[in-house]
């Protein structure tokens, strides 16, 4: 049983981080970050060519993390693989002791950096979850053929976007993912906790019972927040946060001090994490530091979160 599954099922406040593989074959930077995250989080979610930009595979970094003693979470999208390739990667992951995964449909290649790539989309996120659940239940592959030694069992996850209209569509898609076998959910980045609470209330009213981990993105600058508002679906950074970041930048410029907006972003992330935990809004958080994984431990310290307790 993975650390994440154990934490969620025991009622502990669960924490995961996110990490992207390199655009190349040198994993030195990622493994250095892994050392900092060891013992601080219950798992590290390894992105699968996020935003359809070419990187080394999620499976490759997951294997490195596992060998380094850090719990990896394998991300699988339907964009680049048919069902045979997906199942092949999952079986390979299991052979390395990787037992937690996250199913995503995946961004279309047209938004990425290899625009001539042909998308596959044999299965979407629900289809991936359904296939793996059937594999686990029957011991057979996607063609109905018996797997040697039986089928591995994964702690399967999926994603949801709370800031979405009409919200009913997200609730219905969430229900499909849970019915297909998702045992935990990670949200898109959240910045308005009142909005998160309304979403969680709607999920409860729909009778959907699944642990939902709130997505936390530490903001680095006002420009970053504005860019995400304009270009990332499901992201809505409140204007007051943007104003605070802009004021921090102005103060830093006046005083000749660098890094004040990023420091403020870490503090705001810590405040949200502490409030989510203390008010029991969600049973855990998923921190997406976007290349600044070294900031995750100090953010957790500021939030008063220690997974060892």
Protein backbone atom coordinates (compact mmCIF):
# COMPACT_ATOMS: atom_id res chain seq x y z
CA UNK A 1 0.00 0.00 0.00
CA UNK A 2 1.38 3.40 -1.00
CA UNK A 3 2.07 6.16 1.51
CA UNK A 4 -0.64 8.30 -0.09
CA UNK A 5 -3.27 5.57 0.18
CA UNK A 6 -2.29 4.87 3.77
CA UNK A 7 -2.51 8.56 4.69
CA UNK A 8 -5.90 9.12 3.07
CA UNK A 9 -7.44 5.94 4.43
CA UNK A 10 -6.15 6.58 7.95
CA UNK A 11 -7.50 10.12 8.07
CA UNK A 12 -4.10 11.85 8.10
CA UNK A 13 -3.69 15.11 6.22
CA UNK A 14 -2.19 13.96 2.92
CA UNK A 15 0.41 15.94 0.99
CA UNK A 16 1.72 15.35 -2.52
CA UNK A 17 4.03 17.41 -4.69
CA UNK A 18 4.44 17.57 -8.45
CA UNK A 19 7.55 17.30 -10.59
CA UNK A 20 8.21 17.38 -14.31
CA UNK A 21 10.80 15.13 -15.98
CA UNK A 22 13.66 16.88 -17.79
CA UNK A 23 13.61 17.90 -21.43
CA UNK A 24 16.45 15.53 -22.04
CA UNK A 25 18.00 12.56 -20.25
CA UNK A 26 19.78 14.24 -17.34
CA UNK A 27 17.72 13.68 -14.17
CA UNK A 28 20.24 15.33 -11.81
CA UNK A 29 18.06 18.34 -10.98
CA UNK A 30 14.96 16.23 -10.34
CA UNK A 31 16.82 13.82 -8.06
CA UNK A 32 18.26 16.74 -6.09
CA UNK A 33 14.71 18.01 -5.55
CA UNK A 34 13.62 14.50 -4.59
CA UNK A 35 16.09 14.51 -1.70
CA UNK A 36 14.49 17.68 -0.37
CA UNK A 37 10.99 16.20 -0.66
CA UNK A 38 11.85 12.86 0.97
CA UNK A 39 9.94 12.55 4.22
CA UNK A 40 8.03 15.79 3.55
CA UNK A 41 5.31 14.47 1.22
CA UNK A 42 3.36 11.24 0.77
CA UNK A 43 4.09 11.10 -2.94
CA UNK A 44 5.48 12.96 -5.94
CA UNK A 45 3.20 13.16 -8.96
CA UNK A 46 5.33 12.99 -12.12
CA UNK A 47 3.77 14.86 -15.02
CA UNK A 48 3.28 13.17 -18.38
CA UNK A 49 4.41 15.77 -20.95
CA UNK A 50 2.31 18.49 -19.33
CA UNK A 51 0.85 21.05 -21.74
CA UNK A 52 1.78 18.61 -24.52
CA UNK A 53 5.44 19.65 -24.30
CA UNK A 54 8.02 16.94 -24.91
CA UNK A 55 9.88 15.70 -21.83
CA UNK A 56 11.33 12.41 -20.70
CA UNK A 57 8.56 10.00 -19.75
CA UNK A 58 6.70 10.01 -16.46
CA UNK A 59 7.62 6.34 -16.06
CA UNK A 60 11.33 7.12 -16.41
CA UNK A 61 11.38 9.68 -13.59
CA UNK A 62 9.05 7.52 -11.47
CA UNK A 63 11.60 4.70 -11.62
CA UNK A 64 14.40 7.09 -10.63
CA UNK A 65 12.33 8.40 -7.70
CA UNK A 66 11.43 4.91 -6.54
CA UNK A 67 15.08 3.89 -6.57
CA UNK A 68 15.91 7.07 -4.60
CA UNK A 69 13.40 6.14 -1.89
CA UNK A 70 10.70 8.65 -2.85
CA UNK A 71 7.12 7.50 -3.49
CA UNK A 72 6.27 8.24 -7.14
CA UNK A 73 2.82 8.76 -8.63
CA UNK A 74 2.72 7.72 -12.28
CA UNK A 75 0.79 10.11 -14.48
CA UNK A 76 -0.76 8.56 -17.59
CA UNK A 77 -2.49 10.48 -20.38
CA UNK A 78 -4.45 9.12 -23.30
CA UNK A 79 -3.02 11.70 -25.69
CA UNK A 80 0.10 9.77 -26.75
CA UNK A 81 -0.73 6.09 -26.29
CA UNK A 82 -3.34 3.58 -27.29
CA UNK A 83 -4.69 1.15 -24.70
CA UNK A 84 -1.97 -1.43 -25.38
CA UNK A 85 0.80 1.10 -24.76
CA UNK A 86 -0.91 2.41 -21.62
CA UNK A 87 -1.26 -1.08 -20.18
CA UNK A 88 2.32 -1.90 -21.13
CA UNK A 89 3.60 1.15 -19.24
CA UNK A 90 1.43 0.34 -16.23
CA UNK A 91 2.68 -3.26 -16.09
CA UNK A 92 6.27 -2.03 -16.35
CA UNK A 93 5.63 0.46 -13.54
CA UNK A 94 4.27 -2.30 -11.34
CA UNK A 95 7.41 -4.35 -11.88
CA UNK A 96 9.37 -1.52 -10.19
CA UNK A 97 6.98 -1.39 -7.24
CA UNK A 98 5.14 1.71 -8.42
CA UNK A 99 1.57 1.32 -7.19
CA UNK A 100 -0.05 4.77 -7.42
CA UNK A 101 -1.16 6.50 -10.62
CA UNK A 102 -3.18 9.43 -11.95
CA UNK A 103 -5.23 9.17 -15.14
CA UNK A 104 -5.60 12.20 -17.42
CA UNK A 105 -6.95 12.71 -20.92
CA UNK A 106 -4.05 15.05 -21.81
CA UNK A 107 -3.70 18.39 -23.58
CA UNK A 108 -3.90 18.32 -27.40
CA UNK A 109 -0.51 18.43 -29.18
CA UNK A 110 -1.52 21.61 -30.98
CA UNK A 111 -0.88 23.57 -27.75
CA UNK A 112 2.55 21.98 -27.21
CA UNK A 113 6.04 22.26 -28.68
CA UNK A 114 5.88 19.38 -31.18
CA UNK A 115 2.84 20.55 -33.09
CA UNK A 116 3.15 18.02 -35.93
CA UNK A 117 2.52 15.19 -33.45
CA UNK A 118 -0.59 13.13 -34.16
CA UNK A 119 -2.79 12.68 -31.08
CA UNK A 120 -4.01 9.19 -30.13
CA UNK A 121 -6.81 9.53 -27.55
CA UNK A 122 -7.77 5.87 -27.80
CA UNK A 123 -8.92 6.29 -24.18
CA UNK A 124 -9.73 9.36 -22.12
CA UNK A 125 -9.21 9.52 -18.35
CA UNK A 126 -12.41 7.60 -17.65
CA UNK A 127 -11.46 4.97 -20.22
CA UNK A 128 -8.00 4.52 -18.68
CA UNK A 129 -9.49 4.06 -15.20
CA UNK A 130 -12.10 1.63 -16.53
CA UNK A 131 -9.50 -0.46 -18.34
CA UNK A 132 -7.25 -0.70 -15.28
CA UNK A 133 -10.17 -1.55 -12.99
CA UNK A 134 -11.21 -4.33 -15.35
CA UNK A 135 -7.62 -5.58 -15.48
CA UNK A 136 -7.46 -5.71 -11.69
CA UNK A 137 -10.83 -7.46 -11.40
CA UNK A 138 -10.23 -10.09 -14.09
CA UNK A 139 -6.47 -10.56 -14.21
CA UNK A 140 -6.68 -10.05 -17.97
CA UNK A 141 -5.13 -7.52 -20.35
CA UNK A 142 -7.09 -5.11 -22.55
CA UNK A 143 -7.73 -7.90 -25.05
CA UNK A 144 -9.12 -10.30 -22.45
CA UNK A 145 -5.95 -12.38 -22.29
CA UNK A 146 -4.68 -13.66 -18.92
CA UNK A 147 -1.71 -11.81 -17.44
CA UNK A 148 1.16 -13.95 -16.22
CA UNK A 149 1.25 -13.84 -12.43
CA UNK A 150 -2.04 -11.95 -12.20
CA UNK A 151 -2.77 -8.25 -12.43
CA UNK A 152 -1.19 -5.53 -10.30
CA UNK A 153 -3.50 -3.33 -8.25
CA UNK A 154 -3.04 0.44 -8.32
CA UNK A 155 -4.23 3.26 -6.09
CA UNK A 156 -5.87 5.09 -8.97
CA UNK A 157 -6.48 8.82 -9.11
CA UNK A 158 -7.95 11.45 -11.40
CA UNK A 159 -8.31 15.22 -11.60
CA UNK A 160 -11.14 17.73 -11.35
CA UNK A 161 -11.53 21.45 -12.05
CA UNK A 162 -13.64 23.17 -9.35
CA UNK A 163 -13.69 26.55 -11.14
CA UNK A 164 -15.74 25.51 -14.16
CA UNK A 165 -19.10 26.53 -15.58
CA UNK A 166 -21.46 24.84 -15.72
CA UNK A 167 -20.21 23.10 -12.59
CA UNK A 168 -22.71 20.29 -13.12
CA UNK A 169 -20.59 19.00 -16.01
CA UNK A 170 -17.52 18.71 -13.76
CA UNK A 171 -19.58 17.01 -11.06
CA UNK A 172 -20.93 14.50 -13.58
CA UNK A 173 -17.45 13.82 -15.00
CA UNK A 174 -16.14 13.39 -11.46
CA UNK A 175 -18.87 10.83 -10.82
CA UNK A 176 -17.84 8.91 -13.94
CA UNK A 177 -14.21 8.85 -12.81
CA UNK A 178 -15.13 7.53 -9.37
CA UNK A 179 -17.43 4.90 -10.84
CA UNK A 180 -14.56 3.89 -13.18
CA UNK A 181 -12.32 3.25 -10.18
CA UNK A 182 -10.71 6.53 -9.06
CA UNK A 183 -9.89 6.28 -5.35
CA UNK A 184 -8.61 9.84 -4.91
CA UNK A 185 -8.88 13.14 -6.77
CA UNK A 186 -6.55 16.09 -7.25
CA UNK A 187 -7.96 19.49 -8.19
CA UNK A 188 -6.68 22.16 -10.54
CA UNK A 189 -4.99 25.02 -8.69
CA UNK A 190 -7.29 26.72 -6.18
CA UNK A 191 -6.90 30.33 -4.99
CA UNK A 192 -10.37 31.10 -3.59
CA UNK A 193 -11.15 28.88 -0.61
CA UNK A 194 -14.79 30.00 -0.53
CA UNK A 195 -15.10 28.73 -4.09
CA UNK A 196 -13.47 25.47 -3.03
CA UNK A 197 -15.92 25.07 -0.17
CA UNK A 198 -18.88 25.60 -2.49
CA UNK A 199 -17.49 22.98 -4.85
CA UNK A 200 -16.94 20.49 -2.02
CA UNK A 201 -20.50 21.11 -0.81
CA UNK A 202 -21.81 20.39 -4.31
CA UNK A 203 -19.78 17.17 -4.49
CA UNK A 204 -21.23 16.04 -1.15
CA UNK A 205 -24.75 16.97 -2.25
CA UNK A 206 -24.25 14.83 -5.37
CA UNK A 207 -23.48 11.84 -3.14
CA UNK A 208 -19.92 11.46 -4.43
CA UNK A 209 -17.67 10.07 -1.71
CA UNK A 210 -13.98 10.25 -2.62
CA UNK A 211 -10.98 12.01 -1.06
CA UNK A 212 -10.34 15.28 -2.94
CA UNK A 213 -6.94 16.91 -2.55
CA UNK A 214 -6.86 20.66 -3.14
CA UNK A 215 -4.39 21.83 -5.77
CA UNK A 216 -2.03 24.54 -4.52
CA UNK A 217 0.13 26.62 -6.88
CA UNK A 218 2.58 28.95 -5.11
CA UNK A 219 2.54 32.16 -7.13
CA UNK A 220 5.89 33.71 -8.06
CA UNK A 221 4.78 37.06 -9.45
CA UNK A 222 1.76 39.10 -10.48
CA UNK A 223 2.61 38.44 -14.13
CA UNK A 224 2.46 34.69 -13.53
CA UNK A 225 -1.00 35.06 -12.00
CA UNK A 226 -2.26 37.18 -14.88
CA UNK A 227 -0.85 34.73 -17.44
CA UNK A 228 -2.58 31.77 -15.78
CA UNK A 229 -5.88 33.64 -15.57
CA UNK A 230 -5.71 34.34 -19.29
CA UNK A 231 -4.30 31.06 -20.56
CA UNK A 232 -4.90 28.17 -18.14
CA UNK A 233 -8.45 26.73 -18.07
CA UNK A 234 -9.89 26.42 -14.58
CA UNK A 235 -7.49 28.93 -13.00
CA UNK A 236 -8.93 32.04 -11.34
CA UNK A 237 -6.50 34.05 -9.23
CA UNK A 238 -8.40 36.77 -7.32
CA UNK A 239 -7.45 40.36 -8.06
CA UNK A 240 -6.50 41.03 -4.45
CA UNK A 241 -3.78 38.35 -4.67
CA UNK A 242 -2.46 39.87 -7.89
CA UNK A 243 -2.44 43.32 -6.27
CA UNK A 244 -0.49 42.01 -3.26
CA UNK A 245 2.10 40.41 -5.54
CA UNK A 246 2.44 43.61 -7.57
CA UNK A 247 2.85 45.63 -4.37
CA UNK A 248 5.55 43.21 -3.17
CA UNK A 249 7.40 43.68 -6.47
CA UNK A 250 7.18 47.47 -6.14
CA UNK A 251 8.47 47.29 -2.56
CA UNK A 252 11.34 45.07 -3.63
CA UNK A 253 12.28 47.45 -6.42
CA UNK A 254 12.19 50.43 -4.06
CA UNK A 255 14.30 48.69 -1.41
CA UNK A 256 16.59 46.86 -3.82
CA UNK A 257 15.46 43.49 -2.49
CA UNK A 258 14.87 40.59 -4.88
CA UNK A 259 12.37 37.77 -4.50
CA UNK A 260 9.68 39.48 -2.41
CA UNK A 261 6.78 38.42 -4.70
CA UNK A 262 7.90 34.77 -4.65
CA UNK A 263 8.28 34.92 -0.86
CA UNK A 264 4.76 36.34 -0.58
CA UNK A 265 3.47 33.63 -2.92
CA UNK A 266 4.91 30.97 -0.63
CA UNK A 267 3.30 32.63 2.38
CA UNK A 268 -0.09 32.79 0.66
CA UNK A 269 0.19 29.11 -0.31
CA UNK A 270 1.05 28.20 3.29
CA UNK A 271 -1.93 30.20 4.57
CA UNK A 272 -4.28 28.33 2.24
CA UNK A 273 -2.85 24.94 3.19
CA UNK A 274 -3.21 25.67 6.91
CA UNK A 275 -6.79 26.85 6.43
CA UNK A 276 -7.71 23.82 4.31
CA UNK A 277 -6.35 21.54 7.03
CA UNK A 278 -7.71 23.42 10.05
CA UNK A 279 -11.20 23.89 8.58
CA UNK A 280 -11.26 20.34 7.16
CA UNK A 281 -12.10 21.63 3.68
CA UNK A 282 -10.17 18.74 2.07
CA UNK A 283 -8.28 15.71 3.42
CA UNK A 284 -5.06 16.85 1.77
CA UNK A 285 -3.29 19.11 -0.70
CA UNK A 286 -1.37 18.66 -3.93
CA UNK A 287 1.37 21.28 -4.31
CA UNK A 288 2.34 22.25 -7.86
CA UNK A 289 5.50 24.33 -7.44
CA UNK A 290 6.23 24.39 -11.20
CA UNK A 291 9.99 23.95 -11.17
CA UNK A 292 10.50 25.30 -7.64
CA UNK A 293 10.14 22.03 -5.75
CA UNK A 294 12.79 23.24 -3.27
CA UNK A 295 10.13 25.63 -1.94
CA UNK A 296 7.71 22.85 -0.96
CA UNK A 297 9.37 21.94 2.38
CA UNK A 298 9.49 25.57 3.64
CA UNK A 299 5.88 26.11 2.55
CA UNK A 300 4.82 23.07 4.54
CA UNK A 301 6.83 24.28 7.52
CA UNK A 302 5.11 27.68 7.37
CA UNK A 303 1.76 25.89 7.19
CA UNK A 304 2.62 23.76 10.21
CA UNK A 305 2.28 20.51 8.25
CA UNK A 306 4.55 17.61 9.23
CA UNK A 307 3.61 14.24 7.74
CA UNK A 308 5.80 12.41 10.28
CA UNK A 309 3.43 13.33 13.11
